[in-house]
Amino acid sequence: MTGSHDDTAFQRWRNALLEALDSPDAIMAWQDHRYQFAHELGELLAGAADPDIAPITGHAVYGIYVAGGGLLYVGQTANARRRLRDLPVGESHHLAMTVPPEVWERVIVIAWPSLLAALSAEEAQAAEQLGHATCGLALEYLLQTTYRPVMLARRRSTGGSWTPRHIETSRSKGAISSARFPELFNAVQARWRSLMNAQPATARAAVYSDAGRAVIPALLHRATS
């Protein structure tokens, strides 16, 4: 890849980091700036925006987009308050280590348990029997197979390279259970589509819906820079 665009971009990135970290004081200033941004982004992802908008605390599915690259990642969690706040910090989630949150274009979060009450009796019974954990895995699988996020297209190998990830042949619990929840997935996908292009009506860097939110990190980045 010598001389390729990838090499050139990587070298610019490395040189910029070396310049930003050229003294102990500069390192601490860099750490302060990045953590402030990550903390405020985490608060937008999971926190209570005002008294009328509750925090997201339990089960949720989420997706991260970047300009040009499209959808990077789709995940699910049973502890949204912890996971979403950690997502931009990267202490227990690998994504921020590869694609920094400062360049994320949009993060969509759907707190799907609020949609269960509108399901048919048959699907509601299936959700109750299988439990929220399995429902979350099924929704994650359905979103991944529908939208094909870039960073889930392959997996690391032990030899330092990558191998294709054929998610459609998965026999995971989520994959096996996914056909049980067509109504729930349709409801989640409708909110997802609505939030994909929604823009804040005010200076806030987030848009809120009945079952989730979309956060636009670029707006937050401009506000904190």
Protein backbone atom coordinates (compact mmCIF):
# COMPACT_ATOMS: atom_id res chain seq x y z
CA MET A 1 0.00 0.00 0.00
CA THR A 2 3.05 2.28 -0.17
CA GLY A 3 2.10 5.62 -1.71
CA SER A 4 -1.62 4.92 -1.48
CA HIS A 5 -4.21 7.34 -0.12
CA ASP A 6 -4.47 5.17 3.00
CA ASP A 7 -0.76 5.52 3.69
CA THR A 8 -0.86 9.28 3.16
CA ALA A 9 -3.84 9.75 5.48
CA PHE A 10 -2.26 7.52 8.11
CA GLN A 11 0.98 9.51 8.03
CA ARG A 12 -0.88 12.83 8.37
CA TRP A 13 -2.79 11.41 11.34
CA ARG A 14 0.43 10.19 12.97
CA ASN A 15 2.22 13.49 12.40
CA ALA A 16 -0.71 15.45 13.85
CA LEU A 17 -0.68 13.29 16.98
CA LEU A 18 3.07 13.72 17.40
CA GLU A 19 2.60 17.48 17.16
CA ALA A 20 -0.28 17.47 19.65
CA LEU A 21 1.64 15.34 22.17
CA ASP A 22 5.01 17.07 22.07
CA SER A 23 5.27 17.84 25.81
CA PRO A 24 3.87 16.60 29.12
CA ASP A 25 1.58 19.64 29.32
CA ALA A 26 0.37 19.05 25.78
CA ILE A 27 -0.41 15.42 26.59
CA MET A 28 -2.52 16.44 29.57
CA ALA A 29 -4.31 19.12 27.53
CA TRP A 30 -5.03 16.52 24.84
CA GLN A 31 -6.34 14.12 27.49
CA ASP A 32 -8.56 16.85 28.96
CA HIS A 33 -10.00 17.80 25.59
CA ARG A 34 -10.75 14.25 24.51
CA TYR A 35 -12.30 13.19 27.80
CA GLN A 36 -14.48 16.30 27.99
CA PHE A 37 -15.81 15.56 24.52
CA ALA A 38 -16.33 11.85 25.23
CA HIS A 39 -18.07 12.61 28.52
CA GLU A 40 -20.47 15.12 26.99
CA LEU A 41 -21.20 12.77 24.10
CA GLY A 42 -21.91 9.93 26.52
CA GLU A 43 -24.30 12.16 28.45
CA LEU A 44 -26.17 12.97 25.24
CA LEU A 45 -26.35 9.30 24.30
CA ALA A 46 -27.75 8.04 27.60
CA GLY A 47 -28.59 10.92 29.90
CA ALA A 48 -31.74 12.91 30.63
CA ALA A 49 -31.82 15.92 28.32
CA ASP A 50 -34.50 17.67 30.38
CA PRO A 51 -37.29 16.70 32.79
CA ASP A 52 -39.48 15.53 29.89
CA ILE A 53 -36.86 13.17 28.40
CA ALA A 54 -35.86 10.21 30.55
CA PRO A 55 -32.37 8.70 30.46
CA ILE A 56 -31.81 5.46 28.58
CA THR A 57 -30.87 2.91 31.21
CA GLY A 58 -31.82 -0.61 30.15
CA HIS A 59 -31.97 -2.53 26.89
CA ALA A 60 -31.17 -0.68 23.66
CA VAL A 61 -29.76 -1.13 20.17
CA TYR A 62 -27.48 1.49 18.66
CA GLY A 63 -25.62 2.34 15.46
CA ILE A 64 -22.74 4.67 14.60
CA TYR A 65 -22.33 6.46 11.26
CA VAL A 66 -19.45 8.40 9.70
CA ALA A 67 -19.59 10.69 6.69
CA GLY A 68 -18.49 8.81 3.57
CA GLY A 69 -18.06 5.47 5.32
CA GLY A 70 -21.71 5.10 6.22
CA LEU A 71 -22.82 2.82 9.03
CA LEU A 72 -19.79 1.64 11.00
CA TYR A 73 -21.24 -0.46 13.74
CA VAL A 74 -24.47 -1.87 15.20
CA GLY A 75 -24.60 -3.14 18.76
CA GLN A 76 -26.98 -3.91 21.58
CA THR A 77 -26.79 -3.70 25.33
CA ALA A 78 -28.78 -4.59 28.43
CA ASN A 79 -27.22 -1.68 30.34
CA ALA A 80 -27.49 1.31 28.05
CA ARG A 81 -26.51 3.84 30.68
CA ARG A 82 -23.11 2.21 31.17
CA ARG A 83 -22.48 1.06 27.61
CA LEU A 84 -23.47 4.27 25.84
CA ARG A 85 -21.41 6.41 28.16
CA ASP A 86 -18.43 4.15 27.65
CA LEU A 87 -18.88 3.97 23.87
CA PRO A 88 -17.01 7.24 23.08
CA VAL A 89 -14.50 6.73 25.92
CA GLY A 90 -13.47 3.32 24.62
CA GLU A 91 -12.44 1.74 27.92
CA SER A 92 -14.38 -1.47 27.24
CA HIS A 93 -15.43 -0.99 23.62
CA HIS A 94 -13.02 -1.28 20.71
CA LEU A 95 -14.79 1.07 18.27
CA ALA A 96 -13.45 4.35 19.66
CA MET A 97 -9.93 2.95 19.49
CA THR A 98 -10.23 2.55 15.70
CA VAL A 99 -12.57 5.36 14.70
CA PRO A 100 -12.44 8.25 17.21
CA PRO A 101 -15.80 9.69 18.31
CA GLU A 102 -14.69 13.16 17.17
CA VAL A 103 -15.34 12.02 13.58
CA TRP A 104 -18.62 10.20 14.16
CA GLU A 105 -21.39 11.76 12.12
CA ARG A 106 -24.43 10.34 13.92
CA VAL A 107 -25.27 7.84 16.63
CA ILE A 108 -28.75 6.30 16.72
CA VAL A 109 -30.10 4.74 19.90
CA ILE A 110 -33.40 2.86 20.15
CA ALA A 111 -34.70 1.89 23.58
CA TRP A 112 -36.84 -0.86 22.13
CA PRO A 113 -38.61 -2.24 25.27
CA SER A 114 -40.98 0.74 25.09
CA LEU A 115 -42.29 -0.71 21.82
CA LEU A 116 -43.33 -4.09 23.24
CA ALA A 117 -46.77 -2.90 24.36
CA ALA A 118 -47.88 -2.41 20.73
CA LEU A 119 -47.05 -5.96 19.62
CA SER A 120 -49.58 -8.63 18.80
CA ALA A 121 -50.38 -11.11 21.56
CA GLU A 122 -48.37 -13.84 19.81
CA GLU A 123 -45.21 -11.77 19.46
CA ALA A 124 -45.54 -10.29 22.93
CA GLN A 125 -45.74 -13.82 24.31
CA ALA A 126 -42.61 -14.82 22.38
CA ALA A 127 -40.79 -11.80 23.80
CA GLU A 128 -41.87 -12.71 27.31
CA GLN A 129 -40.87 -16.35 26.91
CA LEU A 130 -37.45 -15.66 25.39
CA GLY A 131 -36.69 -12.64 27.55
CA HIS A 132 -35.30 -9.18 26.88
CA ALA A 133 -31.72 -10.45 26.49
CA THR A 134 -32.66 -12.67 23.54
CA CYS A 135 -34.89 -9.98 22.01
CA GLY A 136 -31.96 -7.57 22.07
CA LEU A 137 -29.67 -10.07 20.37
CA ALA A 138 -32.33 -10.78 17.73
CA LEU A 139 -32.77 -7.07 16.97
CA GLU A 140 -29.01 -6.60 16.78
CA TYR A 141 -28.77 -9.48 14.28
CA LEU A 142 -31.64 -8.12 12.16
CA LEU A 143 -30.14 -4.63 12.05
CA GLN A 144 -26.73 -6.02 11.16
CA THR A 145 -28.05 -8.17 8.30
CA THR A 146 -30.25 -5.33 7.02
CA TYR A 147 -27.73 -2.46 7.11
CA ARG A 148 -24.39 -4.35 6.84
CA PRO A 149 -22.18 -2.11 9.04
CA VAL A 150 -18.65 -1.78 7.69
CA MET A 151 -16.77 -2.83 10.82
CA LEU A 152 -18.78 -6.02 11.21
CA ALA A 153 -17.99 -7.32 7.73
CA ARG A 154 -14.89 -9.16 8.92
CA ARG A 155 -13.11 -10.38 12.04
CA ARG A 156 -9.51 -10.38 13.20
CA SER A 157 -7.46 -13.52 12.70
CA THR A 158 -4.70 -14.74 14.98
CA GLY A 159 -2.17 -14.11 12.21
CA GLY A 160 -2.63 -10.34 12.15
CA SER A 161 -4.96 -10.19 9.17
CA TRP A 162 -8.72 -10.28 8.63
CA THR A 163 -11.23 -12.90 7.53
CA PRO A 164 -14.74 -12.30 6.14
CA ARG A 165 -17.58 -12.51 8.65
CA HIS A 166 -20.60 -14.28 7.18
CA ILE A 167 -23.26 -13.08 9.57
CA GLU A 168 -26.11 -14.47 7.49
CA THR A 169 -24.96 -18.02 8.31
CA SER A 170 -24.73 -17.34 12.03
CA ARG A 171 -26.27 -19.85 14.43
CA SER A 172 -26.14 -17.49 17.38
CA LYS A 173 -29.05 -17.12 19.78
CA GLY A 174 -29.95 -13.81 18.19
CA ALA A 175 -29.93 -15.23 14.66
CA ILE A 176 -32.00 -18.28 15.62
CA SER A 177 -34.58 -16.14 17.43
CA SER A 178 -34.74 -13.28 14.91
CA ALA A 179 -37.68 -14.69 12.91
CA ARG A 180 -39.87 -14.50 16.04
CA PHE A 181 -39.92 -10.69 16.10
CA PRO A 182 -41.03 -9.22 12.75
CA GLU A 183 -43.36 -6.64 14.33
CA LEU A 184 -40.81 -5.50 16.87
CA PHE A 185 -38.12 -5.18 14.22
CA ASN A 186 -40.45 -3.20 11.94
CA ALA A 187 -41.16 -0.82 14.82
CA VAL A 188 -37.45 -0.44 15.60
CA GLN A 189 -36.58 0.05 11.95
CA ALA A 190 -39.26 2.74 11.52
CA ARG A 191 -37.72 4.75 14.37
CA TRP A 192 -34.22 4.08 13.04
CA ARG A 193 -35.13 5.40 9.58
CA SER A 194 -36.78 8.48 11.05
CA LEU A 195 -33.70 9.29 13.13
CA MET A 196 -31.21 8.69 10.31
CA ASN A 197 -31.87 12.08 8.70
CA ALA A 198 -33.57 14.04 11.48
CA GLN A 199 -31.92 17.33 12.43
CA PRO A 200 -32.15 19.16 15.77
CA ALA A 201 -34.64 22.00 15.81
CA THR A 202 -32.52 23.93 18.32
CA ALA A 203 -28.85 24.23 19.20
CA ARG A 204 -28.91 20.85 20.93
CA ALA A 205 -26.80 18.16 19.30
CA ALA A 206 -29.52 15.52 19.58
CA VAL A 207 -32.97 14.63 18.24
CA TYR A 208 -35.41 12.71 20.44
CA SER A 209 -38.21 10.34 19.46
CA ASP A 210 -40.73 8.27 21.40
CA ALA A 211 -38.32 5.33 21.66
CA GLY A 212 -34.84 6.73 21.22
CA ARG A 213 -32.60 9.48 19.99
CA ALA A 214 -30.07 10.49 17.38
CA VAL A 215 -26.95 12.33 18.51
CA ILE A 216 -24.86 14.39 16.08
CA PRO A 217 -21.32 14.53 17.55
CA ALA A 218 -20.11 17.14 15.05
CA LEU A 219 -22.48 19.70 16.56
CA LEU A 220 -21.21 18.90 20.03
CA HIS A 221 -17.62 19.06 18.81
CA ARG A 222 -18.09 22.56 17.44
CA ALA A 223 -19.69 23.65 20.69
CA THR A 224 -16.80 22.34 22.84
CA SER A 225 -13.87 23.27 20.57
